[in-house]
Protein backbone atom coordinates (compact mmCIF):
# COMPACT_ATOMS: atom_id res chain seq x y z
CA MET A 1 32.10 -9.57 -30.26
CA VAL A 2 32.18 -10.70 -33.57
CA LEU A 3 34.03 -14.12 -34.04
CA LYS A 4 34.72 -16.00 -37.03
CA ARG A 5 36.51 -18.89 -37.94
CA PHE A 6 38.65 -19.58 -41.04
CA LEU A 7 41.58 -21.88 -42.22
CA LEU A 8 44.85 -20.62 -43.02
CA ILE A 9 45.94 -20.27 -46.13
CA GLY A 10 48.39 -23.26 -46.30
CA VAL A 11 48.77 -26.77 -46.11
CA ALA A 12 49.56 -29.26 -43.16
CA LEU A 13 51.87 -31.88 -44.73
CA MET A 14 52.66 -35.45 -43.19
CA VAL A 15 56.23 -36.42 -43.49
CA ALA A 16 55.96 -39.03 -46.34
CA ALA A 17 59.61 -39.90 -46.62
CA ALA A 18 62.98 -38.97 -45.01
CA GLY A 19 64.15 -36.88 -48.37
CA PHE A 20 60.99 -35.01 -48.17
CA ALA A 21 61.60 -34.18 -44.25
CA GLN A 22 64.97 -32.69 -45.22
CA GLU A 23 63.14 -29.95 -47.58
CA VAL A 24 61.35 -28.43 -44.66
CA GLU A 25 62.94 -26.41 -41.98
CA ILE A 26 61.55 -27.40 -38.69
CA PHE A 27 61.66 -25.21 -35.61
CA GLY A 28 61.43 -26.07 -32.17
CA ASP A 29 62.95 -29.69 -31.86
CA ALA A 30 65.35 -30.19 -28.97
CA ARG A 31 69.00 -30.29 -29.74
CA PRO A 32 71.14 -32.93 -28.07
CA ASP A 33 72.43 -30.32 -25.55
CA ALA A 34 69.11 -28.97 -24.76
CA PRO A 35 67.96 -28.65 -21.37
CA GLU A 36 65.90 -31.02 -19.61
CA LEU A 37 62.41 -29.29 -19.77
CA ALA A 38 62.82 -28.31 -23.32
CA ALA A 39 61.54 -31.49 -24.81
CA ARG A 40 58.04 -31.76 -26.35
CA GLY A 41 55.01 -33.13 -23.69
CA ASN A 42 53.02 -36.04 -24.01
CA PHE A 43 49.87 -34.12 -26.18
CA ALA A 44 49.83 -34.24 -29.73
CA VAL A 45 49.28 -30.77 -30.80
CA GLY A 46 46.45 -29.11 -33.30
CA VAL A 47 46.48 -25.66 -34.53
CA ARG A 48 43.34 -23.59 -35.92
CA THR A 49 43.40 -20.13 -37.31
CA LEU A 50 40.63 -17.50 -35.94
CA THR A 51 39.74 -13.96 -36.50
CA VAL A 52 38.11 -12.22 -33.82
CA THR A 53 36.58 -8.29 -34.28
CA ASN A 54 36.51 -6.01 -31.45
CA PRO A 55 34.07 -3.40 -32.19
CA ASP A 56 33.92 0.31 -31.53
CA GLN A 57 37.68 0.86 -30.95
CA ILE A 58 39.77 4.45 -31.00
CA ASP A 59 41.34 4.39 -34.53
CA ILE A 60 44.06 6.58 -33.28
CA LEU A 61 45.97 6.49 -36.92
CA SER A 62 42.91 8.58 -37.94
CA VAL A 63 42.77 11.48 -35.56
CA SER A 64 42.57 14.74 -36.88
CA ALA A 65 41.36 17.93 -35.65
CA ASP A 66 37.81 17.43 -37.20
CA ASN A 67 37.46 13.73 -35.69
CA PRO A 68 39.56 13.61 -32.24
CA GLU A 69 38.44 10.23 -31.30
CA PRO A 70 37.62 8.39 -34.46
CA ARG A 71 36.45 4.78 -33.90
CA TYR A 72 36.76 1.53 -35.86
CA ASP A 73 36.05 -2.31 -35.67
CA ARG A 74 39.47 -3.61 -34.93
CA THR A 75 39.98 -7.37 -36.34
CA LEU A 76 42.96 -9.50 -35.34
CA THR A 77 43.90 -12.72 -36.64
CA LEU A 78 44.93 -15.33 -34.09
CA GLU A 79 46.49 -18.61 -34.21
CA VAL A 80 45.65 -21.27 -31.62
CA TRP A 81 47.62 -24.33 -30.46
CA TYR A 82 46.22 -26.85 -28.31
CA PRO A 83 46.55 -30.56 -27.12
CA ALA A 84 44.77 -32.73 -29.68
CA ALA A 85 43.36 -36.18 -30.05
CA LEU A 86 45.70 -37.86 -32.79
CA GLU A 87 46.69 -41.58 -33.46
CA GLY A 88 50.40 -41.77 -33.93
CA GLU A 89 53.01 -38.79 -34.28
CA THR A 90 52.02 -35.22 -34.56
CA PRO A 91 52.62 -34.43 -38.47
CA VAL A 92 54.89 -32.01 -39.78
CA ILE A 93 53.12 -28.58 -40.76
CA VAL A 94 53.97 -26.00 -43.21
CA TYR A 95 53.64 -22.21 -41.87
CA GLU A 96 53.46 -19.41 -44.27
CA ASP A 97 55.05 -15.98 -43.23
CA THR A 98 56.52 -12.90 -44.85
CA LEU A 99 59.74 -11.39 -44.47
CA GLY A 100 60.25 -7.57 -44.94
CA ARG A 101 58.42 -4.55 -43.76
CA ALA A 102 55.41 -3.34 -45.66
CA ASP A 103 56.21 0.41 -44.84
CA ASN A 104 59.79 0.18 -46.21
CA PRO A 105 60.73 -0.24 -49.63
CA ASN A 106 63.91 -1.08 -48.93
CA GLN A 107 62.61 -4.18 -47.02
CA PRO A 108 60.57 -5.73 -49.76
CA LEU A 109 57.81 -8.42 -48.60
CA VAL A 110 59.25 -11.67 -49.26
CA PRO A 111 56.98 -14.77 -48.35
CA PHE A 112 58.35 -17.64 -46.85
CA THR A 113 57.52 -21.11 -45.29
CA PHE A 114 58.76 -23.27 -42.53
CA GLY A 115 57.90 -26.36 -40.75
CA GLY A 116 56.63 -27.13 -37.21
CA ARG A 117 54.65 -30.01 -35.84
CA ALA A 118 51.07 -29.49 -35.58
CA ALA A 119 47.95 -31.08 -37.15
CA ARG A 120 45.79 -28.40 -38.86
CA ASP A 121 42.34 -28.56 -37.42
CA ALA A 122 42.86 -31.56 -35.31
CA GLU A 123 39.90 -32.80 -32.67
CA PRO A 124 40.95 -31.36 -29.45
CA ASP A 125 42.29 -33.82 -26.63
CA ARG A 126 39.86 -32.99 -23.64
CA SER A 127 41.50 -35.44 -21.18
CA GLY A 128 43.07 -32.94 -19.11
CA ALA A 129 40.73 -29.99 -19.96
CA PRO A 130 40.21 -27.10 -18.99
CA TYR A 131 43.74 -26.30 -19.92
CA PRO A 132 45.42 -23.16 -18.76
CA LEU A 133 45.34 -20.52 -21.42
CA ILE A 134 48.78 -18.40 -22.73
CA VAL A 135 48.57 -15.39 -24.83
CA VAL A 136 51.41 -14.46 -27.06
CA SER A 137 52.20 -10.92 -28.51
CA HIS A 138 54.92 -10.56 -31.03
CA GLY A 139 57.68 -7.52 -31.49
CA PHE A 140 57.15 -4.29 -33.73
CA PRO A 141 56.82 -5.71 -36.64
CA GLY A 142 56.11 -9.11 -36.41
CA SER A 143 53.67 -12.06 -36.73
CA ARG A 144 51.80 -14.54 -34.79
CA PHE A 145 54.32 -17.31 -36.11
CA MET A 146 57.53 -15.87 -34.64
CA MET A 147 57.51 -18.16 -31.61
CA THR A 148 56.14 -21.47 -33.09
CA TYR A 149 59.07 -23.44 -31.21
CA LEU A 150 57.55 -22.19 -27.92
CA THR A 151 53.58 -22.24 -28.80
CA GLU A 152 53.76 -25.79 -29.92
CA ASN A 153 55.93 -26.81 -27.13
CA LEU A 154 53.62 -25.58 -24.71
CA ALA A 155 50.42 -26.96 -26.30
CA SER A 156 52.23 -30.20 -26.16
CA LYS A 157 52.50 -29.79 -22.28
CA GLY A 158 48.75 -29.22 -21.78
CA TYR A 159 48.18 -25.27 -22.59
CA VAL A 160 45.93 -23.83 -25.02
CA VAL A 161 48.36 -21.02 -26.66
CA VAL A 162 47.23 -18.42 -28.77
CA ALA A 163 49.43 -15.90 -30.80
CA ILE A 164 48.11 -12.79 -31.91
CA ASP A 165 48.59 -11.27 -35.30
CA HIS A 166 48.22 -7.42 -33.90
CA THR A 167 46.93 -5.58 -36.85
CA GLU A 168 48.91 -2.52 -38.11
CA SER A 169 51.83 -4.09 -36.50
CA ILE A 170 52.72 -7.16 -38.68
CA PHE A 171 55.00 -7.49 -41.37
CA SER A 172 52.50 -7.38 -44.19
CA ASP A 173 50.78 -4.57 -42.31
CA VAL A 174 53.02 -1.96 -40.56
CA SER A 175 51.22 1.36 -39.97
CA GLY A 176 51.95 4.30 -37.37
CA PHE A 177 53.26 3.40 -34.11
CA ALA A 178 50.75 4.95 -32.25
CA SER A 179 48.53 1.93 -32.75
CA THR A 180 50.88 -0.32 -31.55
CA LEU A 181 51.41 1.74 -28.36
CA LEU A 182 47.88 2.10 -27.66
CA ASN A 183 46.38 -1.51 -28.87
CA ARG A 184 49.09 -3.87 -27.53
CA PRO A 185 47.51 -4.27 -23.99
CA LEU A 186 44.02 -3.71 -25.34
CA ASP A 187 44.39 -6.41 -28.08
CA VAL A 188 45.69 -8.98 -25.23
CA ARG A 189 42.77 -8.15 -23.14
CA PHE A 190 40.37 -8.84 -25.93
CA THR A 191 41.88 -11.90 -27.10
CA ILE A 192 41.51 -13.30 -23.29
CA ASP A 193 37.89 -12.28 -23.71
CA ALA A 194 37.38 -13.68 -27.06
CA MET A 195 39.00 -17.33 -26.07
CA ALA A 196 36.74 -17.01 -22.93
CA GLU A 197 33.70 -16.91 -25.00
CA LEU A 198 34.88 -19.68 -27.17
CA ALA A 199 35.38 -21.59 -24.20
CA ALA A 200 31.66 -20.96 -23.19
CA ASP A 201 30.50 -21.63 -26.76
CA ALA A 202 28.76 -24.85 -26.86
CA ASP A 203 29.19 -24.96 -30.86
CA SER A 204 32.86 -23.87 -30.59
CA PRO A 205 35.54 -26.76 -30.92
CA PHE A 206 37.16 -25.00 -27.74
CA ASN A 207 34.02 -25.30 -25.75
CA GLY A 208 35.33 -26.54 -22.21
CA LEU A 209 38.83 -26.76 -23.46
CA LEU A 210 40.37 -23.77 -21.61
CA ASP A 211 40.17 -21.88 -18.54
CA ALA A 212 40.58 -18.23 -19.45
CA ASN A 213 40.65 -17.26 -15.54
CA ASN A 214 44.19 -19.00 -15.45
CA THR A 215 46.17 -17.05 -17.98
CA GLY A 216 49.70 -16.67 -18.66
CA LEU A 217 51.16 -13.66 -21.17
CA VAL A 218 54.27 -14.11 -23.27
CA GLY A 219 55.22 -10.73 -24.82
CA TYR A 220 58.28 -10.15 -26.81
CA SER A 221 59.67 -6.52 -27.08
CA MET A 222 56.57 -4.55 -27.64
CA GLY A 223 54.73 -7.69 -26.87
CA GLY A 224 56.31 -7.55 -23.51
CA TYR A 225 55.29 -3.75 -23.41
CA GLY A 226 51.86 -4.58 -23.63
CA ALA A 227 51.76 -7.75 -21.61
CA LEU A 228 53.26 -6.01 -18.25
CA ASN A 229 50.69 -3.32 -18.63
CA VAL A 230 47.81 -5.91 -18.76
CA ALA A 231 49.04 -7.85 -15.71
CA GLY A 232 48.95 -4.39 -13.92
CA GLY A 233 52.15 -2.85 -14.95
CA ARG A 234 50.65 0.73 -15.80
CA TYR A 235 52.77 3.17 -17.94
CA GLY A 236 53.82 5.63 -15.53
CA ALA A 237 53.99 9.93 -15.24
CA THR A 238 56.42 10.42 -17.86
CA TYR A 239 54.78 8.19 -20.56
CA LEU A 240 52.80 10.92 -22.26
CA PRO A 241 55.37 13.71 -22.12
CA VAL A 242 57.93 11.06 -23.61
CA LEU A 243 55.59 10.15 -26.48
CA ARG A 244 54.83 13.71 -27.18
CA ASN A 245 58.73 14.27 -28.09
CA PHE A 246 58.00 10.98 -30.37
CA GLY A 247 55.58 13.23 -32.40
CA ILE A 248 52.67 10.74 -31.65
CA GLN A 249 49.35 12.19 -32.99
CA GLY A 250 46.53 11.88 -30.47
CA VAL A 251 48.79 11.12 -27.89
CA ASP A 252 46.20 11.73 -24.97
CA LEU A 253 44.12 9.32 -26.28
CA LEU A 254 47.00 6.76 -24.72
CA ALA A 255 46.44 7.77 -21.36
CA VAL A 256 43.78 4.78 -21.16
CA ASN A 257 46.74 2.32 -20.06
CA THR A 258 48.34 4.87 -17.66
CA VAL A 259 48.22 6.14 -13.96
CA ARG A 260 46.35 8.71 -15.37
CA ASN A 261 43.21 6.57 -15.92
CA GLU A 262 41.83 6.60 -12.36
CA ASN A 263 39.64 3.61 -13.61
CA PHE A 264 42.46 1.24 -14.70
CA THR A 265 42.66 -2.20 -13.12
CA ALA A 266 44.94 -5.46 -13.94
CA ASP A 267 43.38 -7.88 -15.74
CA GLU A 268 42.63 -10.50 -12.85
CA ARG A 269 42.78 -13.47 -15.17
CA VAL A 270 46.45 -13.34 -15.60
CA LYS A 271 48.27 -15.24 -13.01
CA ALA A 272 52.11 -15.15 -14.70
CA VAL A 273 53.69 -13.29 -17.24
CA MET A 274 57.30 -14.37 -19.40
CA ALA A 275 58.62 -11.07 -20.88
CA PHE A 276 61.33 -11.22 -23.57
CA ALA A 277 63.15 -7.95 -23.97
CA PRO A 278 60.32 -5.95 -22.99
CA TRP A 279 60.57 -2.37 -24.81
CA GLY A 280 59.89 0.79 -23.08
CA MET A 281 61.61 1.40 -19.71
CA ASN A 282 64.45 2.37 -21.64
CA PHE A 283 62.48 5.68 -22.37
CA GLY A 284 61.44 5.68 -18.86
CA LEU A 285 57.60 4.68 -19.58
CA TRP A 286 57.29 3.08 -16.15
CA ASP A 287 58.22 4.02 -12.73
CA ALA A 288 58.03 2.54 -9.06
CA ASN A 289 54.95 4.07 -8.44
CA SER A 290 53.08 2.69 -11.59
CA LEU A 291 54.56 -0.70 -11.22
CA SER A 292 53.26 -1.02 -7.67
CA THR A 293 49.79 -2.64 -8.95
CA LEU A 294 52.11 -5.34 -10.83
CA ASP A 295 51.93 -8.22 -8.26
CA VAL A 296 51.96 -11.34 -10.16
CA PRO A 297 54.88 -13.29 -11.21
CA VAL A 298 57.16 -12.27 -14.16
CA PHE A 299 60.13 -14.01 -15.71
CA PHE A 300 62.25 -11.71 -17.84
CA VAL A 301 64.27 -13.00 -20.67
CA VAL A 302 67.08 -10.57 -21.83
CA GLY A 303 70.46 -10.19 -23.51
CA ASP A 304 72.76 -7.88 -21.69
CA GLN A 305 73.72 -6.30 -25.07
CA ASP A 306 70.19 -5.57 -26.26
CA ASP A 307 70.55 -2.41 -28.21
CA VAL A 308 66.71 -2.07 -28.69
CA SER A 309 64.95 -2.34 -25.28
CA GLY A 310 68.22 -1.58 -23.38
CA PHE A 311 69.45 -3.65 -20.48
CA ALA A 312 70.52 -1.75 -17.10
CA ASN A 313 68.09 0.82 -18.16
CA GLY A 314 65.53 -1.30 -19.78
CA PRO A 315 64.32 -4.92 -18.60
CA ARG A 316 66.81 -5.06 -15.84
CA ARG A 317 65.44 -1.88 -14.28
CA LEU A 318 62.06 -3.04 -14.81
CA PHE A 319 63.05 -6.37 -12.75
CA GLU A 320 64.28 -3.94 -9.92
CA LEU A 321 61.28 -1.87 -9.81
CA ALA A 322 58.64 -4.20 -9.84
CA THR A 323 58.93 -5.00 -6.19
CA ASN A 324 55.35 -6.45 -5.69
CA SER A 325 55.97 -9.35 -8.02
CA GLU A 326 57.97 -12.33 -7.50
CA ARG A 327 60.26 -12.13 -10.31
CA TYR A 328 62.96 -13.70 -12.37
CA LEU A 329 65.82 -12.13 -14.58
CA LEU A 330 67.21 -14.66 -17.26
CA VAL A 331 70.55 -13.11 -18.95
CA PHE A 332 71.72 -14.41 -22.06
CA GLU A 333 75.32 -12.82 -21.83
CA GLY A 334 76.45 -11.13 -24.89
CA ALA A 335 73.09 -11.43 -26.69
CA ARG A 336 71.27 -8.48 -27.94
CA HIS A 337 67.76 -8.09 -28.64
CA ASN A 338 66.74 -11.25 -30.37
CA VAL A 339 65.97 -13.48 -27.77
CA ALA A 340 62.44 -14.88 -28.59
CA PRO A 341 62.03 -15.62 -31.94
CA ASN A 342 62.33 -18.65 -33.98
CA PRO A 343 65.81 -19.17 -35.77
CA PRO A 344 66.34 -17.00 -38.64
CA PRO A 345 64.72 -18.68 -41.99
CA ALA A 346 66.68 -19.90 -44.93
CA ALA A 347 65.03 -17.29 -46.82
CA ALA A 348 66.54 -14.58 -44.73
CA VAL A 349 69.44 -13.92 -46.96
CA GLU A 350 69.99 -10.21 -46.26
CA TYR A 351 71.21 -8.65 -43.25
CA GLU A 352 68.18 -6.80 -42.36
CA GLN A 353 66.10 -10.03 -42.75
CA PHE A 354 68.23 -12.03 -40.58
CA MET A 355 68.38 -9.55 -37.82
CA ARG A 356 64.86 -9.70 -37.29
CA TYR A 357 65.36 -13.38 -35.79
CA GLY A 358 68.93 -13.97 -35.53
CA ASP A 359 71.77 -12.77 -32.86
CA ASN A 360 75.33 -12.23 -33.67
CA VAL A 361 76.54 -14.38 -30.79
CA TRP A 362 74.03 -16.92 -29.82
CA ASP A 363 72.60 -19.85 -31.84
CA SER A 364 68.76 -19.32 -32.17
CA ALA A 365 67.97 -22.81 -31.68
CA ARG A 366 69.81 -22.95 -28.41
CA MET A 367 68.32 -20.14 -27.06
CA ASN A 368 64.87 -21.62 -28.08
CA ASN A 369 65.71 -24.66 -26.15
CA VAL A 370 66.50 -22.52 -22.97
CA ASN A 371 63.36 -20.63 -23.37
CA GLN A 372 61.18 -23.83 -23.66
CA HIS A 373 62.85 -25.18 -20.60
CA PHE A 374 62.32 -22.02 -18.37
CA ALA A 375 58.77 -21.34 -19.75
CA THR A 376 57.69 -24.77 -18.91
CA ALA A 377 59.33 -24.62 -15.51
CA PHE A 378 57.56 -21.15 -14.67
CA PHE A 379 53.88 -21.89 -16.29
CA ASP A 380 53.94 -25.24 -14.77
CA LEU A 381 54.68 -23.78 -11.23
CA TYR A 382 52.47 -20.58 -11.52
CA LEU A 383 49.39 -21.95 -13.54
CA LYS A 384 49.24 -25.33 -12.73
CA GLY A 385 50.80 -25.77 -9.20
CA ALA A 386 53.59 -28.15 -10.57
CA ASP A 387 56.45 -29.06 -8.51
CA THR A 388 59.01 -27.28 -10.75
CA ALA A 389 60.33 -24.69 -8.34
CA ALA A 390 63.67 -26.59 -8.21
CA TYR A 391 64.32 -25.65 -11.64
CA LEU A 392 64.03 -21.87 -10.92
CA ASP A 393 65.87 -21.80 -7.36
CA LEU A 394 69.40 -21.94 -9.03
CA ILE A 395 73.02 -20.26 -8.15
CA GLU A 396 73.10 -16.87 -10.25
CA VAL A 397 75.84 -17.60 -12.55
CA ALA A 398 75.35 -20.85 -14.43
CA ALA A 399 79.03 -21.26 -15.34
CA ASP A 400 79.92 -21.37 -11.44
CA GLY A 401 77.99 -24.30 -10.81
CA ARG A 402 79.69 -27.64 -9.92
CA PHE A 403 78.49 -30.80 -11.47
CA SER A 404 78.92 -33.69 -8.94
CA VAL A 405 77.13 -37.05 -9.44
CA ALA A 406 77.46 -40.24 -7.46
CA ASP A 407 78.26 -43.59 -9.19
CA ASP A 408 74.45 -44.30 -8.92
CA GLY A 409 73.53 -41.28 -11.07
CA SER A 410 72.38 -39.34 -7.80
CA PHE A 411 73.61 -35.71 -7.19
CA ASN A 412 76.34 -35.48 -4.38
CA ALA A 413 76.15 -32.76 -1.64
CA ASP A 414 78.18 -30.37 -3.35
CA HIS A 415 76.38 -30.46 -6.67
CA THR A 416 75.44 -26.77 -7.69
CA TYR A 417 74.79 -27.12 -11.44
CA TRP A 418 71.78 -25.71 -13.10
CA LEU A 419 68.98 -28.53 -12.70
CA GLY A 420 68.06 -29.99 -16.03
CA PHE A 421 71.00 -28.72 -17.88
CA PRO A 422 73.72 -31.48 -19.11
CA ASN A 423 77.07 -31.26 -18.02
CA ARG A 424 79.05 -28.50 -19.58
CA SER A 425 76.23 -27.18 -21.30
CA ALA A 426 75.13 -24.09 -18.65
CA VAL A 427 77.42 -21.35 -19.83
CA GLY A 428 76.84 -17.85 -20.90
CA LEU A 429 73.68 -17.72 -18.50
CA ARG A 430 72.53 -15.95 -15.61
CA LEU A 431 69.35 -16.27 -13.46
CA GLU A 432 68.67 -13.55 -10.72
CA ARG A 433 65.70 -14.02 -8.61
CA ARG A 434 63.60 -11.61 -6.11
CA ALA A 435 60.61 -12.15 -3.92
CA ALA A 436 57.80 -10.05 -3.65
CA GLY A 437 58.65 -7.04 -1.14
CA GLU A 438 62.24 -7.24 -2.22
């Protein structure tokens, strides 16, 4: 393993005046109607950029008759958010990202900036270390900055959160789909390895800061496809035949992540998965047998009008088949695929740019707050053993809840409203739950 550290090209900015603050889009703050656990936690947040190199990996995009299994060193860029030792408020930071797709001249690359709340290269706060690790995997294409509203938020609550730029699968570097299919789960496993190595390195700023044996995964779309696999959801018997119909070059090399690989094992370090609109079940890439080895808690987040990953034939079917897992299914009624990203940046003035982030029905900042709330309840319960189960034990249809509060502010016996949601705010949402074995 080769590890290098470098600073992201960009600049962290302190808010010097109200006028300046208005010039920076800041994603992730709680709206007035946000549910309770969406608020940032008690830790200040630091952020660092790393590169990690996984040597001698299969280069599936270079497969040929003369070279059926080419190899290369696969380098990833990581962004790591963590509890930071800061005096005063966490400063505003400016992140740099790109709209468009490098493989499509009709969607030219457009650099843009947006704000968050984190301090570049701040000293870690070790008061609660070691913290659980959370690894975040973006969609196709995407970037490590697509979900900063969530990465910053979880870091402020005592997690080390690392988001991956999946090489050959980011906006500025889009190559053949076979790379994404093969490398999503492999990149996630290697990232856990890399963070574990840094946690054990006496010269690393992350020394002793995180516990890689207590890891949660967040995956969006193709990120969900990979995260479920790492946690034990092997791809099924129809996986390779389906991909042959896609015309994937070197398709047999993809068998490593499937039921055909007799040596496949779940990564035992992973204790919980949050899967946003995971792709693949709508093409039959899993089945009941292949999902039998998925036994960690999973929280699915979906839109019931998703036309990319599907719904009844997609994430909902995964929810039904993963019977060895305790699992949840949060549904944004009327939403399509983009239930996970930051809001569309101001630079997204074209429809295709906007629709890489936004939804036609739901306000993205509202979805972000709901996601922050449930991610906190879910990961705090399963990675920290916190007493947050009541935030997940809810009536199925949010709008059916009754808000009933006594004069002293306590809940009456007939109160069934979603815990943590202000009165009249829990609408358009459903949450189903199944115990392991159901």
